[in-house]
Amino acid sequence: MARRRKGEPVHGWIAIDKPVGMTSTQVVAKVRWLFNAQKAGHGGTLDPLASGILPVALGEATKTVPYVMDGQKVYSFAIVWGEQRTTDDEEGEVCATSDHRPSVEAIEAALPQFTGTISQVPPRYSAIKVDGQRAYDLARDGEEVDLDARPIRIDAFELVEALPDRARFRVLSGKGAYMRSLARDLAQAVGTVGYITELRRLSCGPFTEATAISLDKLGEVGHSAAPLDLLLPIATALDDIPALAVSEAEARRLHTGQTLPLNAGVGRVTRSDLTDGCLVCVGTADKPVAIARIEDGSIRPIRVLNL
C-alpha cells in the first residue's frame, strides 16, 4: 500500500521576496509549512546572501517549474573593486588584491563583451555537481574544483551607479547565468579584481516584485486565515506558451495520455501559428489540463496536470 502523503493538495504559485540569510530550500520548507501543502519546489535558486524574487510552486504547479527556470531574470547587484574572494562574494576569504580602480569609461567599454551568448565558468562555490558531489562541498573540503565553461545568455548589462570602490549594475539574463561569475569576469576585464555584493533578483520569469510577498507577511496571513487566496494560478508560469481550449471529453483523453487532432474538437480555436515542436498549455474553461507539444498535426501531452 502506498504511503499517504502528508499535508493538503494545494496547487499554485506564490512569489516570495526572499530575505538575505536564508537558503532557497529553507524558504520552500517555510512556505510548504504555512500552506500545509503536500509538495513544493522553487523556480530558480537564490544564494543565501541574495534577496529578491523566489517563485515557489505548490502541488501540481511543480510540474511547470522548468518553464519558470527557462524564463528571463532581472538582477541588481554591486561589485566591490580591489579584492577577490574565494566564493566570488563577500562570504569568502580574500585571495587576491589590486590597487587599480576602473573608470566609468573603462567599465562601459567592457560591458558589451558580456552581452549576448557568452561563455561563463561557474563559481567554484556553486551547486553544480562534479562526479556526483556539489562543487561547494568539494571546495569547502579544500579540493581543487575545475568547472567547465558553459554558454549563457545576457540580454542586458547596464551600469547604474559608479563610486570609487564599487559600482552598481542591472542585468537581464537567461537560464544558468551566475552573477558572481559575471562580477568576477568584469573585474578582470577592466584590469582589477572584485566580488559581488548586495545581490537582488527583481524578477524571475513572469514573477515580479509587484506580486511578491515577504515570508513575514505570509506568516501573518497564515496565522489569521488560510492564505490560499494569495496563490497565483498554475498557468502563471506558462504565460509565454500559447493556450488551447479543449472540451471536458478531450481533457479526459489527454489525462490518459492520448493525443488529440489539432484542427478538430469542440471549443478549440485553431491557431495558424502552432507549428510542429511548439509547446502549448491545454485547458478547459476553468483549469489547465496539460502541457503538450504539437507533433504531426496532433496535440501530444507531455506533462498532465491532475487538478
Protein backbone atom coordinates (compact mmCIF):
# COMPACT_ATOMS: atom_id res chain seq x y z
CA MET A 1 0.00 0.00 0.00
CA ALA A 2 1.35 3.44 -0.97
CA ARG A 3 2.10 5.69 1.96
CA ARG A 4 -0.26 8.64 2.24
CA ARG A 5 1.46 11.96 1.62
CA LYS A 6 1.31 14.44 4.49
CA GLY A 7 -0.42 17.78 4.00
CA GLU A 8 -3.17 19.11 1.79
CA PRO A 9 -3.40 19.03 -2.03
CA VAL A 10 -2.61 22.72 -2.53
CA HIS A 11 -1.85 23.81 -6.12
CA GLY A 12 -0.47 27.12 -7.40
CA TRP A 13 2.41 29.58 -7.34
CA ILE A 14 3.49 32.24 -4.87
CA ALA A 15 6.31 34.73 -5.38
CA ILE A 16 8.32 35.13 -2.18
CA ASP A 17 10.55 38.14 -1.58
CA LYS A 18 13.40 36.12 -0.10
CA PRO A 19 15.35 37.79 2.72
CA VAL A 20 19.13 37.76 2.96
CA GLY A 21 20.46 34.90 5.10
CA MET A 22 18.06 32.11 4.11
CA THR A 23 18.66 29.37 1.59
CA SER A 24 16.11 28.76 -1.13
CA THR A 25 15.43 25.34 0.38
CA GLN A 26 14.63 26.91 3.75
CA VAL A 27 12.18 29.31 2.10
CA VAL A 28 10.41 26.47 0.29
CA ALA A 29 10.12 24.48 3.52
CA LYS A 30 8.63 27.50 5.31
CA VAL A 31 6.08 28.13 2.53
CA ARG A 32 5.11 24.48 2.40
CA TRP A 33 4.54 24.51 6.17
CA LEU A 34 2.47 27.70 6.06
CA PHE A 35 0.20 26.24 3.38
CA ASN A 36 0.31 22.71 4.84
CA ALA A 37 0.99 21.59 1.26
CA GLN A 38 1.85 18.07 0.19
CA LYS A 39 4.50 19.15 -2.29
CA ALA A 40 6.59 22.25 -3.01
CA GLY A 41 9.55 23.40 -5.09
CA HIS A 42 11.13 26.60 -6.36
CA GLY A 43 11.75 28.16 -9.74
CA GLY A 44 15.42 29.09 -9.52
CA THR A 45 17.92 29.07 -6.65
CA LEU A 46 19.00 32.25 -4.87
CA ASP A 47 22.18 32.27 -2.78
CA PRO A 48 21.75 32.93 0.98
CA LEU A 49 23.39 36.37 0.52
CA ALA A 50 20.89 37.26 -2.23
CA SER A 51 17.43 38.71 -1.74
CA GLY A 52 14.51 39.05 -4.10
CA ILE A 53 12.03 37.08 -6.12
CA LEU A 54 11.92 33.35 -5.43
CA PRO A 55 8.89 31.73 -7.11
CA VAL A 56 7.60 28.79 -5.06
CA ALA A 57 5.44 26.11 -6.68
CA LEU A 58 2.94 24.06 -4.71
CA GLY A 59 1.38 20.76 -5.74
CA GLU A 60 0.82 20.31 -9.47
CA ALA A 61 2.48 23.67 -10.12
CA THR A 62 5.83 21.92 -9.53
CA LYS A 63 5.36 20.35 -12.98
CA THR A 64 5.72 23.83 -14.51
CA VAL A 65 8.96 24.75 -12.66
CA PRO A 66 11.21 24.19 -15.74
CA TYR A 67 9.30 26.85 -17.68
CA VAL A 68 9.99 29.43 -14.98
CA MET A 69 13.66 28.46 -14.76
CA ASP A 70 13.96 28.93 -18.53
CA GLY A 71 12.49 32.43 -18.29
CA GLN A 72 14.34 35.74 -18.18
CA LYS A 73 15.67 37.02 -14.85
CA VAL A 74 16.44 40.60 -13.82
CA TYR A 75 19.12 41.29 -11.20
CA SER A 76 20.56 44.27 -9.39
CA PHE A 77 23.97 43.98 -7.74
CA ALA A 78 27.11 45.84 -6.76
CA ILE A 79 30.73 44.94 -7.44
CA VAL A 80 33.38 45.87 -4.87
CA TRP A 81 36.67 46.58 -6.64
CA GLY A 82 40.13 45.73 -5.34
CA GLU A 83 39.58 42.35 -3.66
CA GLN A 84 38.89 38.88 -5.00
CA ARG A 85 37.16 36.42 -2.68
CA THR A 86 37.28 32.61 -2.80
CA THR A 87 33.49 32.47 -3.15
CA ASP A 88 33.24 35.47 -5.52
CA ASP A 89 31.05 37.16 -2.91
CA GLU A 90 31.57 38.76 0.50
CA GLU A 91 31.37 35.44 2.38
CA GLY A 92 34.71 34.17 1.10
CA GLU A 93 38.28 34.84 2.12
CA VAL A 94 40.41 37.40 0.29
CA CYS A 95 42.59 35.58 -2.24
CA ALA A 96 43.85 38.49 -4.38
CA THR A 97 44.02 42.27 -4.24
CA SER A 98 44.55 45.15 -6.66
CA ASP A 99 45.04 48.91 -6.26
CA HIS A 100 43.53 49.64 -9.67
CA ARG A 101 40.05 51.19 -9.81
CA PRO A 102 38.33 51.29 -13.20
CA SER A 103 36.92 54.49 -14.64
CA VAL A 104 33.32 54.82 -15.77
CA GLU A 105 34.54 54.88 -19.36
CA ALA A 106 36.50 51.64 -18.90
CA ILE A 107 33.52 49.90 -17.31
CA GLU A 108 31.11 50.94 -20.04
CA ALA A 109 33.60 49.96 -22.74
CA ALA A 110 33.89 46.44 -21.27
CA LEU A 111 30.17 45.72 -20.84
CA PRO A 112 29.37 44.84 -24.50
CA GLN A 113 31.69 41.82 -24.39
CA PHE A 114 29.42 40.37 -21.67
CA THR A 115 26.15 40.66 -23.58
CA GLY A 116 24.58 38.16 -25.94
CA THR A 117 25.51 34.49 -25.76
CA ILE A 118 28.79 34.25 -23.86
CA SER A 119 30.94 31.55 -22.28
CA GLN A 120 30.99 31.56 -18.47
CA VAL A 121 32.81 29.45 -15.88
CA PRO A 122 30.55 28.99 -12.83
CA PRO A 123 31.87 29.83 -9.35
CA ARG A 124 33.74 27.05 -7.54
CA TYR A 125 31.29 27.54 -4.68
CA SER A 126 28.16 26.55 -6.61
CA ALA A 127 25.66 23.71 -6.53
CA ILE A 128 26.93 22.19 -9.77
CA LYS A 129 27.73 18.51 -9.39
CA VAL A 130 31.24 17.20 -10.03
CA ASP A 131 31.48 13.40 -10.03
CA GLY A 132 28.24 13.25 -8.06
CA GLN A 133 29.23 15.84 -5.45
CA ARG A 134 28.31 19.50 -5.14
CA ALA A 135 31.13 21.82 -6.18
CA TYR A 136 30.78 23.88 -3.00
CA ASP A 137 31.23 20.78 -0.83
CA LEU A 138 34.45 19.90 -2.64
CA ALA A 139 35.71 23.48 -2.42
CA ARG A 140 34.99 23.67 1.31
CA ASP A 141 36.96 20.46 1.78
CA GLY A 142 39.96 22.14 0.19
CA GLU A 143 39.81 20.20 -3.09
CA GLU A 144 40.59 21.81 -6.41
CA VAL A 145 37.40 22.28 -8.40
CA ASP A 146 37.65 22.76 -12.15
CA LEU A 147 34.32 23.61 -13.74
CA ASP A 148 33.85 23.73 -17.49
CA ALA A 149 32.74 26.91 -19.19
CA ARG A 150 29.16 26.86 -20.44
CA PRO A 151 27.18 29.09 -22.77
CA ILE A 152 24.79 31.55 -21.11
CA ARG A 153 22.72 34.46 -22.38
CA ILE A 154 22.97 38.02 -21.08
CA ASP A 155 20.33 40.23 -22.67
CA ALA A 156 21.41 43.48 -21.00
CA PHE A 157 24.23 44.58 -18.68
CA GLU A 158 23.87 48.19 -17.54
CA LEU A 159 25.96 50.39 -15.27
CA VAL A 160 23.59 52.12 -12.83
CA GLU A 161 26.00 53.87 -10.45
CA ALA A 162 29.77 54.21 -10.16
CA LEU A 163 31.65 55.08 -6.97
CA PRO A 164 35.43 54.97 -6.39
CA ASP A 165 35.47 51.49 -4.80
CA ARG A 166 32.29 49.94 -6.16
CA ALA A 167 29.74 50.08 -8.95
CA ARG A 168 26.10 49.03 -9.24
CA PHE A 169 24.62 47.18 -12.20
CA ARG A 170 21.35 45.88 -13.62
CA VAL A 171 21.38 42.63 -15.60
CA LEU A 172 18.80 40.81 -17.70
CA SER A 173 19.84 37.19 -18.11
CA GLY A 174 18.68 33.82 -19.32
CA LYS A 175 18.90 30.44 -17.61
CA GLY A 176 22.03 29.33 -15.77
CA ALA A 177 23.87 32.66 -15.55
CA TYR A 178 25.84 33.26 -12.35
CA MET A 179 26.02 36.89 -11.27
CA ARG A 180 29.06 36.09 -9.10
CA SER A 181 30.95 34.91 -12.18
CA LEU A 182 29.78 37.93 -14.16
CA ALA A 183 31.16 40.25 -11.47
CA ARG A 184 34.45 38.32 -11.28
CA ASP A 185 34.94 38.35 -15.04
CA LEU A 186 34.03 42.01 -15.49
CA ALA A 187 36.55 42.98 -12.81
CA GLN A 188 39.26 41.09 -14.67
CA ALA A 189 38.23 42.71 -17.96
CA VAL A 190 38.75 46.21 -16.52
CA GLY A 191 42.17 45.35 -15.10
CA THR A 192 41.39 44.68 -11.45
CA VAL A 193 39.71 42.13 -9.19
CA GLY A 194 36.33 42.28 -7.49
CA TYR A 195 33.48 40.42 -5.88
CA ILE A 196 29.71 40.72 -5.84
CA THR A 197 27.63 42.18 -3.04
CA GLU A 198 24.06 43.39 -2.48
CA LEU A 199 22.64 40.93 -4.98
CA ARG A 200 18.89 41.15 -5.53
CA ARG A 201 16.65 39.40 -8.09
CA LEU A 202 13.99 41.83 -9.28
CA SER A 203 12.03 39.35 -11.39
CA CYS A 204 12.04 35.70 -12.41
CA GLY A 205 10.04 34.80 -15.49
CA PRO A 206 6.51 36.19 -15.00
CA PHE A 207 7.04 36.76 -11.26
CA THR A 208 7.93 40.29 -10.17
CA GLU A 209 8.17 42.46 -7.08
CA ALA A 210 4.64 43.71 -7.76
CA THR A 211 3.15 40.30 -6.97
CA ALA A 212 5.66 39.17 -4.32
CA ILE A 213 5.12 38.81 -0.58
CA SER A 214 7.62 38.56 2.24
CA LEU A 215 7.82 35.47 4.43
CA ASP A 216 6.94 37.57 7.47
CA LYS A 217 3.79 38.92 5.81
CA LEU A 218 2.84 35.45 4.59
CA GLY A 219 3.28 34.16 8.12
CA GLU A 220 0.96 36.85 9.49
CA VAL A 221 -1.71 35.98 6.94
CA GLY A 222 -1.26 32.26 7.60
CA HIS A 223 -1.85 32.68 11.33
CA SER A 224 -5.08 34.62 10.83
CA ALA A 225 -6.63 32.77 7.87
CA ALA A 226 -5.88 30.27 5.13
CA PRO A 227 -3.53 32.07 2.70
CA LEU A 228 -4.90 30.21 -0.34
CA ASP A 229 -6.25 33.42 -1.88
CA LEU A 230 -2.64 34.60 -2.25
CA LEU A 231 -1.80 31.79 -4.65
CA LEU A 232 -1.30 32.57 -8.32
CA PRO A 233 -2.71 30.13 -10.91
CA ILE A 234 -0.56 27.30 -12.20
CA ALA A 235 -0.84 28.79 -15.68
CA THR A 236 1.04 31.90 -14.49
CA ALA A 237 4.25 30.00 -15.18
CA LEU A 238 3.09 29.34 -18.74
CA ASP A 239 2.36 32.91 -19.84
CA ASP A 240 4.76 32.64 -22.76
CA ILE A 241 3.20 29.41 -24.04
CA PRO A 242 0.18 29.53 -26.41
CA ALA A 243 -3.08 28.35 -24.82
CA LEU A 244 -5.57 25.96 -26.41
CA ALA A 245 -9.07 25.23 -25.12
CA VAL A 246 -10.49 21.69 -25.16
CA SER A 247 -13.74 20.10 -24.11
CA GLU A 248 -14.14 18.04 -20.96
CA ALA A 249 -14.20 14.86 -23.06
CA GLU A 250 -10.96 15.84 -24.79
CA ALA A 251 -9.41 16.70 -21.44
CA ARG A 252 -10.13 13.18 -20.23
CA ARG A 253 -8.36 11.79 -23.29
CA LEU A 254 -5.29 13.90 -22.58
CA HIS A 255 -5.26 12.69 -18.99
CA THR A 256 -4.92 9.12 -20.23
CA GLY A 257 -2.01 10.07 -22.48
CA GLN A 258 -3.94 10.10 -25.75
CA THR A 259 -3.23 12.62 -28.48
CA LEU A 260 -5.80 14.99 -29.98
CA PRO A 261 -6.05 16.28 -33.53
CA LEU A 262 -5.03 19.92 -33.71
CA ASN A 263 -7.72 21.07 -36.15
CA ALA A 264 -10.77 19.41 -34.61
CA GLY A 265 -12.67 19.35 -31.35
CA VAL A 266 -15.40 21.17 -29.51
CA GLY A 267 -14.50 24.58 -28.12
CA ARG A 268 -11.00 24.79 -29.58
CA VAL A 269 -9.79 27.66 -31.73
CA THR A 270 -7.34 26.58 -34.41
CA ARG A 271 -4.09 28.58 -34.31
CA SER A 272 -2.23 29.06 -37.57
CA ASP A 273 0.99 29.87 -35.68
CA LEU A 274 1.16 26.48 -33.98
CA THR A 275 3.88 24.56 -35.79
CA ASP A 276 5.47 21.20 -35.14
CA GLY A 277 7.58 21.16 -31.99
CA CYS A 278 6.00 24.12 -30.22
CA LEU A 279 4.59 23.80 -26.70
CA VAL A 280 1.02 24.66 -25.72
CA CYS A 281 -0.90 24.91 -22.47
CA VAL A 282 -4.11 22.94 -22.97
CA GLY A 283 -7.07 23.54 -20.70
CA THR A 284 -10.82 23.52 -20.27
CA ALA A 285 -12.84 26.61 -19.47
CA ASP A 286 -11.89 26.55 -15.78
CA LYS A 287 -8.50 24.85 -15.43
CA PRO A 288 -5.30 23.83 -17.22
CA VAL A 289 -5.16 20.19 -18.20
CA ALA A 290 -1.73 19.50 -19.67
CA ILE A 291 1.41 20.88 -21.20
CA ALA A 292 1.56 19.44 -24.68
CA ARG A 293 3.66 19.51 -27.83
CA ILE A 294 2.39 19.88 -31.38
CA GLU A 295 3.57 16.88 -33.40
CA ASP A 296 2.45 15.98 -36.93
CA GLY A 297 -0.80 17.90 -36.62
CA SER A 298 -1.63 16.42 -33.22
CA ILE A 299 -1.60 17.63 -29.62
CA ARG A 300 0.59 15.24 -27.65
CA PRO A 301 0.54 15.61 -23.82
CA ILE A 302 3.98 15.68 -22.17
CA ARG A 303 3.01 16.78 -18.62
CA VAL A 304 -0.50 16.09 -17.35
CA LEU A 305 -1.85 18.27 -14.51
CA ASN A 306 -4.02 16.37 -12.04
CA LEU A 307 -6.38 19.06 -10.77
